[in-house]
Full PDB file with SEQRES, HELIX, SHEET, SSBOND, CRYST1, ORIGX, SCALE, CONECT and MASTER records, all heavy atoms in Angstrom:
SEQRES   1 A   39  LEU LEU GLY ARG THR HIS ALA PRO MET GLU LEU CYS SER          
SEQRES   2 A   39  ASP HIS ALA GLY ASP PHE ARG ALA SER GLN ARG VAL LEU          
SEQRES   3 A   39  ASP LEU GLY ALA VAL THR VAL TRP SER ALA THR PHE GLN          
HELIX    1 AA1 LEU A    2  THR A    5  1                                   4    
HELIX    2 AA2 ALA A   16  ASP A   18  5                                   3    
SHEET    1 AA1 2 ALA A  21  ASP A  27  0                                        
SHEET    2 AA1 2 THR A  32  PHE A  38 -1                                        
CRYST1    1.000    1.000    1.000  90.00  90.00  90.00 P 1           1          
ORIGX1      1.000000  0.000000  0.000000        0.00000                         
ORIGX2      0.000000  1.000000  0.000000        0.00000                         
ORIGX3      0.000000  0.000000  1.000000        0.00000                         
SCALE1      1.000000  0.000000  0.000000        0.00000                         
SCALE2      0.000000  1.000000  0.000000        0.00000                         
SCALE3      0.000000  0.000000  1.000000        0.00000                         
ATOM      1  N   LEU A   1       0.823  -1.204   0.000  1.00  0.00           N  
ATOM      2  CA  LEU A   1       0.000   0.000   0.000  1.00  0.00           C  
ATOM      3  C   LEU A   1       0.863   1.263   0.000  1.00  0.00           C  
ATOM      4  O   LEU A   1       0.628   2.189  -0.787  1.00  0.00           O  
ATOM      5  CB  LEU A   1      -0.916  -0.001   1.223  1.00  0.00           C  
ATOM      6  CG  LEU A   1      -1.694   1.296   1.476  1.00  0.00           C  
ATOM      7  CD1 LEU A   1      -2.735   1.505   0.395  1.00  0.00           C  
ATOM      8  CD2 LEU A   1      -2.347   1.273   2.851  1.00  0.00           C  
ATOM      9  N   LEU A   2       1.863   1.320   0.872  1.00  0.00           N  
ATOM     10  CA  LEU A   2       2.730   2.490   0.919  1.00  0.00           C  
ATOM     11  C   LEU A   2       3.497   2.659  -0.380  1.00  0.00           C  
ATOM     12  O   LEU A   2       3.759   3.785  -0.813  1.00  0.00           O  
ATOM     13  CB  LEU A   2       3.699   2.384   2.096  1.00  0.00           C  
ATOM     14  CG  LEU A   2       3.078   2.447   3.497  1.00  0.00           C  
ATOM     15  CD1 LEU A   2       4.166   2.426   4.552  1.00  0.00           C  
ATOM     16  CD2 LEU A   2       2.213   3.682   3.664  1.00  0.00           C  
ATOM     17  N   GLY A   3       3.836   1.566  -1.016  1.00  0.00           N  
ATOM     18  CA  GLY A   3       4.503   1.654  -2.301  1.00  0.00           C  
ATOM     19  C   GLY A   3       3.640   2.284  -3.372  1.00  0.00           C  
ATOM     20  O   GLY A   3       4.133   2.992  -4.250  1.00  0.00           O  
ATOM     21  N   ARG A   4       2.335   2.048  -3.286  1.00  0.00           N  
ATOM     22  CA  ARG A   4       1.404   2.623  -4.272  1.00  0.00           C  
ATOM     23  C   ARG A   4       1.030   4.056  -3.948  1.00  0.00           C  
ATOM     24  O   ARG A   4       0.899   4.884  -4.848  1.00  0.00           O  
ATOM     25  CB  ARG A   4       0.128   1.773  -4.357  1.00  0.00           C  
ATOM     26  CG  ARG A   4       0.320   0.451  -5.084  1.00  0.00           C  
ATOM     27  CD  ARG A   4      -1.014  -0.211  -5.373  1.00  0.00           C  
ATOM     28  NE  ARG A   4      -1.625  -0.757  -4.176  1.00  0.00           N  
ATOM     29  CZ  ARG A   4      -2.717  -0.266  -3.595  1.00  0.00           C  
ATOM     30  NH1 ARG A   4      -3.318   0.805  -4.098  1.00  0.00           N  
ATOM     31  NH2 ARG A   4      -3.222  -0.839  -2.522  1.00  0.00           N  
ATOM     32  N   THR A   5       0.823   4.372  -2.680  1.00  0.00           N  
ATOM     33  CA  THR A   5       0.340   5.700  -2.311  1.00  0.00           C  
ATOM     34  C   THR A   5       1.463   6.707  -2.094  1.00  0.00           C  
ATOM     35  O   THR A   5       1.218   7.914  -2.149  1.00  0.00           O  
ATOM     36  CB  THR A   5      -0.519   5.635  -1.037  1.00  0.00           C  
ATOM     37  OG1 THR A   5       0.264   5.055   0.028  1.00  0.00           O  
ATOM     38  CG2 THR A   5      -1.758   4.789  -1.257  1.00  0.00           C  
ATOM     39  N   HIS A   6       2.695   6.225  -1.861  1.00  0.00           N  
ATOM     40  CA  HIS A   6       3.804   7.141  -1.615  1.00  0.00           C  
ATOM     41  C   HIS A   6       4.984   6.800  -2.524  1.00  0.00           C  
ATOM     42  O   HIS A   6       5.154   7.396  -3.575  1.00  0.00           O  
ATOM     43  CB  HIS A   6       4.214   7.084  -0.140  1.00  0.00           C  
ATOM     44  CG  HIS A   6       3.060   7.293   0.783  1.00  0.00           C  
ATOM     45  ND1 HIS A   6       2.313   8.446   0.778  1.00  0.00           N  
ATOM     46  CD2 HIS A   6       2.506   6.497   1.725  1.00  0.00           C  
ATOM     47  CE1 HIS A   6       1.349   8.356   1.675  1.00  0.00           C  
ATOM     48  NE2 HIS A   6       1.442   7.182   2.265  1.00  0.00           N  
ATOM     49  N   ALA A   7       5.784   5.844  -2.113  1.00  0.00           N  
ATOM     50  CA  ALA A   7       6.927   5.404  -2.911  1.00  0.00           C  
ATOM     51  C   ALA A   7       7.346   4.027  -2.405  1.00  0.00           C  
ATOM     52  O   ALA A   7       7.159   3.717  -1.226  1.00  0.00           O  
ATOM     53  CB  ALA A   7       8.086   6.396  -2.786  1.00  0.00           C  
ATOM     54  N   PRO A   8       7.905   3.178  -3.264  1.00  0.00           N  
ATOM     55  CA  PRO A   8       8.342   1.848  -2.805  1.00  0.00           C  
ATOM     56  C   PRO A   8       9.361   1.959  -1.675  1.00  0.00           C  
ATOM     57  O   PRO A   8      10.295   2.769  -1.736  1.00  0.00           O  
ATOM     58  CB  PRO A   8       8.971   1.251  -4.068  1.00  0.00           C  
ATOM     59  CG  PRO A   8       8.319   1.968  -5.199  1.00  0.00           C  
ATOM     60  CD  PRO A   8       8.094   3.366  -4.704  1.00  0.00           C  
ATOM     61  N   MET A   9       9.174   1.151  -0.644  1.00  0.00           N  
ATOM     62  CA  MET A   9      10.045   1.174   0.525  1.00  0.00           C  
ATOM     63  C   MET A   9      10.252  -0.241   1.041  1.00  0.00           C  
ATOM     64  O   MET A   9       9.395  -1.103   0.855  1.00  0.00           O  
ATOM     65  CB  MET A   9       9.434   2.039   1.641  1.00  0.00           C  
ATOM     66  CG  MET A   9       9.510   3.520   1.399  1.00  0.00           C  
ATOM     67  SD  MET A   9       8.645   4.456   2.687  1.00  0.00           S  
ATOM     68  CE  MET A   9       6.951   4.347   2.095  1.00  0.00           C  
ATOM     69  N   GLU A  10      11.369  -0.424   1.710  1.00  0.00           N  
ATOM     70  CA  GLU A  10      11.566  -1.619   2.503  1.00  0.00           C  
ATOM     71  C   GLU A  10      11.093  -1.316   3.923  1.00  0.00           C  
ATOM     72  O   GLU A  10      11.479  -0.300   4.492  1.00  0.00           O  
ATOM     73  CB  GLU A  10      13.044  -2.018   2.529  1.00  0.00           C  
ATOM     74  CG  GLU A  10      13.591  -2.448   1.181  1.00  0.00           C  
ATOM     75  CD  GLU A  10      15.070  -2.800   1.263  1.00  0.00           C  
ATOM     76  OE1 GLU A  10      15.643  -2.707   2.382  1.00  0.00           O  
ATOM     77  OE2 GLU A  10      15.645  -3.131   0.229  1.00  0.00           O  
ATOM     78  N   LEU A  11      10.224  -2.167   4.476  1.00  0.00           N  
ATOM     79  CA  LEU A  11       9.703  -1.963   5.816  1.00  0.00           C  
ATOM     80  C   LEU A  11      10.169  -3.083   6.734  1.00  0.00           C  
ATOM     81  O   LEU A  11      10.327  -4.227   6.302  1.00  0.00           O  
ATOM     82  CB  LEU A  11       8.173  -1.913   5.808  1.00  0.00           C  
ATOM     83  CG  LEU A  11       7.498  -0.849   4.936  1.00  0.00           C  
ATOM     84  CD1 LEU A  11       5.992  -0.869   5.159  1.00  0.00           C  
ATOM     85  CD2 LEU A  11       8.053   0.535   5.213  1.00  0.00           C  
ATOM     86  N   CYS A  12      10.355  -2.745   8.002  1.00  0.00           N  
ATOM     87  CA  CYS A  12      10.764  -3.721   8.992  1.00  0.00           C  
ATOM     88  C   CYS A  12      10.054  -3.387  10.293  1.00  0.00           C  
ATOM     89  O   CYS A  12       9.964  -2.207  10.672  1.00  0.00           O  
ATOM     90  CB  CYS A  12      12.275  -3.674   9.168  1.00  0.00           C  
ATOM     91  SG  CYS A  12      12.905  -4.785  10.441  1.00  0.00           S  
ATOM     92  N   SER A  13       9.503  -4.411  10.976  1.00  0.00           N  
ATOM     93  CA  SER A  13       8.804  -4.183  12.236  1.00  0.00           C  
ATOM     94  C   SER A  13       8.830  -5.448  13.090  1.00  0.00           C  
ATOM     95  O   SER A  13       8.733  -6.565  12.563  1.00  0.00           O  
ATOM     96  CB  SER A  13       7.345  -3.768  11.974  1.00  0.00           C  
ATOM     97  OG  SER A  13       6.634  -3.646  13.189  1.00  0.00           O  
ATOM     98  N   ASP A  14       8.939  -5.241  14.398  1.00  0.00           N  
ATOM     99  CA  ASP A  14       8.838  -6.369  15.326  1.00  0.00           C  
ATOM    100  C   ASP A  14       7.413  -6.907  15.391  1.00  0.00           C  
ATOM    101  O   ASP A  14       7.180  -7.967  15.966  1.00  0.00           O  
ATOM    102  CB  ASP A  14       9.278  -5.935  16.733  1.00  0.00           C  
ATOM    103  CG  ASP A  14      10.763  -5.631  16.802  1.00  0.00           C  
ATOM    104  OD1 ASP A  14      11.504  -6.111  15.926  1.00  0.00           O  
ATOM    105  OD2 ASP A  14      11.171  -4.883  17.719  1.00  0.00           O  
ATOM    106  N   HIS A  15       6.465  -6.182  14.809  1.00  0.00           N  
ATOM    107  CA  HIS A  15       5.051  -6.567  14.851  1.00  0.00           C  
ATOM    108  C   HIS A  15       4.572  -7.096  13.495  1.00  0.00           C  
ATOM    109  O   HIS A  15       3.366  -7.114  13.227  1.00  0.00           O  
ATOM    110  CB  HIS A  15       4.193  -5.366  15.261  1.00  0.00           C  
ATOM    111  CG  HIS A  15       4.573  -4.770  16.580  1.00  0.00           C  
ATOM    112  ND1 HIS A  15       4.030  -5.183  17.771  1.00  0.00           N  
ATOM    113  CD2 HIS A  15       5.475  -3.802  16.883  1.00  0.00           C  
ATOM    114  CE1 HIS A  15       4.565  -4.485  18.761  1.00  0.00           C  
ATOM    115  NE2 HIS A  15       5.447  -3.639  18.258  1.00  0.00           N  
ATOM    116  N   ALA A  16       5.505  -7.516  12.658  1.00  0.00           N  
ATOM    117  CA  ALA A  16       5.145  -7.935  11.300  1.00  0.00           C  
ATOM    118  C   ALA A  16       4.196  -9.122  11.276  1.00  0.00           C  
ATOM    119  O   ALA A  16       3.452  -9.308  10.301  1.00  0.00           O  
ATOM    120  CB  ALA A  16       6.411  -8.265  10.511  1.00  0.00           C  
ATOM    121  N   GLY A  17       4.176  -9.930  12.335  1.00  0.00           N  
ATOM    122  CA  GLY A  17       3.299 -11.095  12.352  1.00  0.00           C  
ATOM    123  C   GLY A  17       1.830 -10.738  12.419  1.00  0.00           C  
ATOM    124  O   GLY A  17       0.975 -11.535  11.995  1.00  0.00           O  
ATOM    125  N   ASP A  18       1.494  -9.574  12.946  1.00  0.00           N  
ATOM    126  CA  ASP A  18       0.096  -9.126  13.022  1.00  0.00           C  
ATOM    127  C   ASP A  18       0.118  -7.601  13.092  1.00  0.00           C  
ATOM    128  O   ASP A  18      -0.147  -6.993  14.124  1.00  0.00           O  
ATOM    129  CB  ASP A  18      -0.599  -9.716  14.250  1.00  0.00           C  
ATOM    130  CG  ASP A  18      -2.073  -9.336  14.325  1.00  0.00           C  
ATOM    131  OD1 ASP A  18      -2.590  -8.752  13.338  1.00  0.00           O  
ATOM    132  OD2 ASP A  18      -2.696  -9.574  15.380  1.00  0.00           O  
ATOM    133  N   PHE A  19       0.471  -6.981  11.956  1.00  0.00           N  
ATOM    134  CA  PHE A  19       0.731  -5.541  11.938  1.00  0.00           C  
ATOM    135  C   PHE A  19      -0.569  -4.743  11.934  1.00  0.00           C  
ATOM    136  O   PHE A  19      -1.473  -5.011  11.138  1.00  0.00           O  
ATOM    137  CB  PHE A  19       1.567  -5.184  10.712  1.00  0.00           C  
ATOM    138  CG  PHE A  19       2.081  -3.777  10.725  1.00  0.00           C  
ATOM    139  CD1 PHE A  19       3.056  -3.397  11.627  1.00  0.00           C  
ATOM    140  CD2 PHE A  19       1.598  -2.838   9.835  1.00  0.00           C  
ATOM    141  CE1 PHE A  19       3.541  -2.102  11.651  1.00  0.00           C  
ATOM    142  CE2 PHE A  19       2.070  -1.544   9.835  1.00  0.00           C  
ATOM    143  CZ  PHE A  19       3.052  -1.173  10.748  1.00  0.00           C  
ATOM    144  N   ARG A  20      -0.648  -3.754  12.821  1.00  0.00           N  
ATOM    145  CA  ARG A  20      -1.844  -2.919  12.919  1.00  0.00           C  
ATOM    146  C   ARG A  20      -1.530  -1.502  12.448  1.00  0.00           C  
ATOM    147  O   ARG A  20      -0.618  -0.848  12.982  1.00  0.00           O  
ATOM    148  CB  ARG A  20      -2.353  -2.873  14.364  1.00  0.00           C  
ATOM    149  CG  ARG A  20      -2.639  -4.245  14.977  1.00  0.00           C  
ATOM    150  CD  ARG A  20      -3.720  -4.978  14.198  1.00  0.00           C  
ATOM    151  NE  ARG A  20      -3.974  -6.299  14.728  1.00  0.00           N  
ATOM    152  CZ  ARG A  20      -4.953  -6.575  15.597  1.00  0.00           C  
ATOM    153  NH1 ARG A  20      -5.737  -5.614  16.043  1.00  0.00           N  
ATOM    154  NH2 ARG A  20      -5.120  -7.826  16.012  1.00  0.00           N  
ATOM    155  N   ALA A  21      -2.280  -1.036  11.458  1.00  0.00           N  
ATOM    156  CA  ALA A  21      -2.071   0.310  10.925  1.00  0.00           C  
ATOM    157  C   ALA A  21      -3.322   0.759  10.191  1.00  0.00           C  
ATOM    158  O   ALA A  21      -4.113  -0.061   9.712  1.00  0.00           O  
ATOM    159  CB  ALA A  21      -0.869   0.333   9.975  1.00  0.00           C  
ATOM    160  N   SER A  22      -3.503   2.064  10.113  1.00  0.00           N  
ATOM    161  CA  SER A  22      -4.608   2.642   9.338  1.00  0.00           C  
ATOM    162  C   SER A  22      -4.147   3.965   8.748  1.00  0.00           C  
ATOM    163  O   SER A  22      -3.249   4.634   9.290  1.00  0.00           O  
ATOM    164  CB  SER A  22      -5.852   2.848  10.206  1.00  0.00           C  
ATOM    165  OG  SER A  22      -5.598   3.788  11.233  1.00  0.00           O  
ATOM    166  N   GLN A  23      -4.772   4.324   7.650  1.00  0.00           N  
ATOM    167  CA  GLN A  23      -4.407   5.560   6.958  1.00  0.00           C  
ATOM    168  C   GLN A  23      -5.639   6.147   6.280  1.00  0.00           C  
ATOM    169  O   GLN A  23      -6.414   5.428   5.646  1.00  0.00           O  
ATOM    170  CB  GLN A  23      -3.313   5.290   5.925  1.00  0.00           C  
ATOM    171  CG  GLN A  23      -2.803   6.533   5.217  1.00  0.00           C  
ATOM    172  CD  GLN A  23      -1.727   6.202   4.208  1.00  0.00           C  
ATOM    173  OE1 GLN A  23      -1.965   5.463   3.257  1.00  0.00           O  
ATOM    174  NE2 GLN A  23      -0.539   6.727   4.402  1.00  0.00           N  
ATOM    175  N   ARG A  24      -5.818   7.456   6.421  1.00  0.00           N  
ATOM    176  CA  ARG A  24      -6.879   8.206   5.736  1.00  0.00           C  
ATOM    177  C   ARG A  24      -6.205   9.161   4.768  1.00  0.00           C  
ATOM    178  O   ARG A  24      -5.364   9.973   5.174  1.00  0.00           O  
ATOM    179  CB  ARG A  24      -7.731   8.970   6.740  1.00  0.00           C  
ATOM    180  CG  ARG A  24      -8.476   8.088   7.724  1.00  0.00           C  
ATOM    181  CD  ARG A  24      -8.957   8.898   8.927  1.00  0.00           C  
ATOM    182  NE  ARG A  24      -9.785  10.014   8.505  1.00  0.00           N  
ATOM    183  CZ  ARG A  24      -9.908  11.157   9.220  1.00  0.00           C  
ATOM    184  NH1 ARG A  24      -9.231  11.318  10.344  1.00  0.00           N  
ATOM    185  NH2 ARG A  24     -10.694  12.113   8.795  1.00  0.00           N  
ATOM    186  N   VAL A  25      -6.569   9.093   3.494  1.00  0.00           N  
ATOM    187  CA  VAL A  25      -5.912   9.874   2.449  1.00  0.00           C  
ATOM    188  C   VAL A  25      -6.894  10.860   1.835  1.00  0.00           C  
ATOM    189  O   VAL A  25      -7.990  10.480   1.415  1.00  0.00           O  
ATOM    190  CB  VAL A  25      -5.337   8.955   1.349  1.00  0.00           C  
ATOM    191  CG1 VAL A  25      -4.627   9.779   0.288  1.00  0.00           C  
ATOM    192  CG2 VAL A  25      -4.386   7.936   1.952  1.00  0.00           C  
ATOM    193  N   LEU A  26      -6.486  12.137   1.765  1.00  0.00           N  
ATOM    194  CA  LEU A  26      -7.263  13.183   1.112  1.00  0.00           C  
ATOM    195  C   LEU A  26      -6.510  13.615  -0.146  1.00  0.00           C  
ATOM    196  O   LEU A  26      -5.372  14.088  -0.058  1.00  0.00           O  
ATOM    197  CB  LEU A  26      -7.450  14.391   2.036  1.00  0.00           C  
ATOM    198  CG  LEU A  26      -8.257  14.167   3.311  1.00  0.00           C  
ATOM    199  CD1 LEU A  26      -8.210  15.410   4.193  1.00  0.00           C  
ATOM    200  CD2 LEU A  26      -9.696  13.819   2.972  1.00  0.00           C  
ATOM    201  N   ASP A  27      -7.128  13.431  -1.294  1.00  0.00           N  
ATOM    202  CA  ASP A  27      -6.516  13.792  -2.564  1.00  0.00           C  
ATOM    203  C   ASP A  27      -6.920  15.217  -2.921  1.00  0.00           C  
ATOM    204  O   ASP A  27      -8.093  15.495  -3.181  1.00  0.00           O  
ATOM    205  CB  ASP A  27      -6.974  12.814  -3.649  1.00  0.00           C  
ATOM    206  CG  ASP A  27      -6.361  13.123  -5.005  1.00  0.00           C  
ATOM    207  OD1 ASP A  27      -5.526  14.040  -5.082  1.00  0.00           O  
ATOM    208  OD2 ASP A  27      -6.729  12.451  -5.986  1.00  0.00           O  
ATOM    209  N   LEU A  28      -5.939  16.137  -2.917  1.00  0.00           N  
ATOM    210  CA  LEU A  28      -6.213  17.530  -3.266  1.00  0.00           C  
ATOM    211  C   LEU A  28      -5.716  17.866  -4.670  1.00  0.00           C  
ATOM    212  O   LEU A  28      -5.508  19.021  -4.999  1.00  0.00           O  
ATOM    213  CB  LEU A  28      -5.549  18.466  -2.246  1.00  0.00           C  
ATOM    214  CG  LEU A  28      -5.924  18.258  -0.786  1.00  0.00           C  
ATOM    215  CD1 LEU A  28      -5.240  19.303   0.088  1.00  0.00           C  
ATOM    216  CD2 LEU A  28      -7.434  18.298  -0.592  1.00  0.00           C  
ATOM    217  N   GLY A  29      -5.558  16.853  -5.487  1.00  0.00           N  
ATOM    218  CA  GLY A  29      -5.039  17.068  -6.835  1.00  0.00           C  
ATOM    219  C   GLY A  29      -3.541  16.807  -6.840  1.00  0.00           C  
ATOM    220  O   GLY A  29      -3.096  15.683  -6.616  1.00  0.00           O  
ATOM    221  N   ALA A  30      -2.759  17.856  -7.073  1.00  0.00           N  
ATOM    222  CA  ALA A  30      -1.305  17.683  -7.079  1.00  0.00           C  
ATOM    223  C   ALA A  30      -0.773  17.381  -5.688  1.00  0.00           C  
ATOM    224  O   ALA A  30       0.248  16.715  -5.527  1.00  0.00           O  
ATOM    225  CB  ALA A  30      -0.640  18.943  -7.633  1.00  0.00           C  
ATOM    226  N   VAL A  31      -1.472  17.866  -4.678  1.00  0.00           N  
ATOM    227  CA  VAL A  31      -1.044  17.721  -3.283  1.00  0.00           C  
ATOM    228  C   VAL A  31      -1.881  16.641  -2.601  1.00  0.00           C  
ATOM    229  O   VAL A  31      -3.082  16.521  -2.856  1.00  0.00           O  
ATOM    230  CB  VAL A  31      -1.194  19.058  -2.535  1.00  0.00           C  
ATOM    231  CG1 VAL A  31      -0.877  18.914  -1.065  1.00  0.00           C  
ATOM    232  CG2 VAL A  31      -0.294  20.117  -3.170  1.00  0.00           C  
ATOM    233  N   THR A  32      -1.245  15.854  -1.739  1.00  0.00           N  
ATOM    234  CA  THR A  32      -1.941  14.805  -0.999  1.00  0.00           C  
ATOM    235  C   THR A  32      -1.723  15.006   0.499  1.00  0.00           C  
ATOM    236  O   THR A  32      -0.607  15.296   0.938  1.00  0.00           O  
ATOM    237  CB  THR A  32      -1.419  13.409  -1.387  1.00  0.00           C  
ATOM    238  OG1 THR A  32      -1.547  13.237  -2.793  1.00  0.00           O  
ATOM    239  CG2 THR A  32      -2.214  12.319  -0.674  1.00  0.00           C  
ATOM    240  N   VAL A  33      -2.799  14.862   1.262  1.00  0.00           N  
ATOM    241  CA  VAL A  33      -2.742  14.968   2.723  1.00  0.00           C  
ATOM    242  C   VAL A  33      -3.275  13.679   3.311  1.00  0.00           C  
ATOM    243  O   VAL A  33      -4.242  13.113   2.792  1.00  0.00           O  
ATOM    244  CB  VAL A  33      -3.578  16.168   3.235  1.00  0.00           C  
ATOM    245  CG1 VAL A  33      -3.620  16.191   4.759  1.00  0.00           C  
ATOM    246  CG2 VAL A  33      -3.012  17.486   2.698  1.00  0.00           C  
ATOM    247  N   TRP A  34      -2.671  13.203   4.386  1.00  0.00           N  
ATOM    248  CA  TRP A  34      -3.196  12.003   5.019  1.00  0.00           C  
ATOM    249  C   TRP A  34      -2.859  11.993   6.503  1.00  0.00           C  
ATOM    250  O   TRP A  34      -1.955  12.687   6.968  1.00  0.00           O  
ATOM    251  CB  TRP A  34      -2.684  10.733   4.342  1.00  0.00           C  
ATOM    252  CG  TRP A  34      -1.239  10.427   4.579  1.00  0.00           C  
ATOM    253  CD1 TRP A  34      -0.710   9.699   5.597  1.00  0.00           C  
ATOM    254  CD2 TRP A  34      -0.141  10.860   3.790  1.00  0.00           C  
ATOM    255  NE1 TRP A  34       0.652   9.635   5.489  1.00  0.00           N  
ATOM    256  CE2 TRP A  34       1.030  10.347   4.382  1.00  0.00           C  
ATOM    257  CE3 TRP A  34      -0.031  11.624   2.634  1.00  0.00           C  
ATOM    258  CZ2 TRP A  34       2.295  10.588   3.867  1.00  0.00           C  
ATOM    259  CZ3 TRP A  34       1.220  11.858   2.118  1.00  0.00           C  
ATOM    260  CH2 TRP A  34       2.363  11.342   2.719  1.00  0.00           C  
ATOM    261  N   SER A  35      -3.585  11.204   7.242  1.00  0.00           N  
ATOM    262  CA  SER A  35      -3.268  10.920   8.636  1.00  0.00           C  
ATOM    263  C   SER A  35      -3.069   9.414   8.756  1.00  0.00           C  
ATOM    264  O   SER A  35      -3.718   8.633   8.063  1.00  0.00           O  
ATOM    265  CB  SER A  35      -4.384  11.390   9.565  1.00  0.00           C  
ATOM    266  OG  SER A  35      -5.607  10.768   9.236  1.00  0.00           O  
ATOM    267  N   ALA A  36      -2.155   9.005   9.629  1.00  0.00           N  
ATOM    268  CA  ALA A  36      -1.835   7.585   9.754  1.00  0.00           C  
ATOM    269  C   ALA A  36      -1.578   7.231  11.212  1.00  0.00           C  
ATOM    270  O   ALA A  36      -1.074   8.037  11.988  1.00  0.00           O  
ATOM    271  CB  ALA A  36      -0.614   7.234   8.908  1.00  0.00           C  
ATOM    272  N   THR A  37      -1.948   6.009  11.555  1.00  0.00           N  
ATOM    273  CA  THR A  37      -1.673   5.430  12.871  1.00  0.00           C  
ATOM    274  C   THR A  37      -1.081   4.045  12.632  1.00  0.00           C  
ATOM    275  O   THR A  37      -1.649   3.250  11.878  1.00  0.00           O  
ATOM    276  CB  THR A  37      -2.961   5.312  13.706  1.00  0.00           C  
ATOM    277  OG1 THR A  37      -3.548   6.610  13.849  1.00  0.00           O  
ATOM    278  CG2 THR A  37      -2.667   4.741  15.080  1.00  0.00           C  
ATOM    279  N   PHE A  38       0.070   3.758  13.251  1.00  0.00           N  
ATOM    280  CA  PHE A  38       0.710   2.467  12.976  1.00  0.00           C  
ATOM    281  C   PHE A  38       1.622   2.076  14.136  1.00  0.00           C  
ATOM    282  O   PHE A  38       2.000   2.896  14.972  1.00  0.00           O  
ATOM    283  CB  PHE A  38       1.503   2.521  11.667  1.00  0.00           C  
ATOM    284  CG  PHE A  38       2.452   3.680  11.550  1.00  0.00           C  
ATOM    285  CD1 PHE A  38       3.780   3.560  11.955  1.00  0.00           C  
ATOM    286  CD2 PHE A  38       2.025   4.902  11.026  1.00  0.00           C  
ATOM    287  CE1 PHE A  38       4.652   4.627  11.847  1.00  0.00           C  
ATOM    288  CE2 PHE A  38       2.890   5.977  10.913  1.00  0.00           C  
ATOM    289  CZ  PHE A  38       4.213   5.846  11.321  1.00  0.00           C  
ATOM    290  N   GLN A  39       1.962   0.805  14.161  1.00  0.00           N  
ATOM    291  CA  GLN A  39       2.877   0.287  15.169  1.00  0.00           C  
ATOM    292  C   GLN A  39       4.322   0.604  14.779  1.00  0.00           C  
ATOM    293  O   GLN A  39       4.589   0.985  13.639  1.00  0.00           O  
ATOM    294  CB  GLN A  39       2.658  -1.224  15.323  1.00  0.00           C  
ATOM    295  CG  GLN A  39       1.313  -1.567  15.965  1.00  0.00           C  
ATOM    296  CD  GLN A  39       1.085  -3.055  16.081  1.00  0.00           C  
ATOM    297  OE1 GLN A  39       1.055  -3.769  15.079  1.00  0.00           O  
ATOM    298  NE2 GLN A  39       0.904  -3.544  17.308  1.00  0.00           N  
TER     299      GLN A  39                                                      
MASTER        0    0    0    2    2    0    0    6  298    1    0    3          
END                                                                             
């Protein structure tokens, strides 16, 4: 998801077995705003 909405990345987390995260994305055209909560 982050690769599609932002840029491809390598991610690493101690919580990878059951990762909890959410993101709200507002598309303003050229500019994008979002809020995110994650482990």
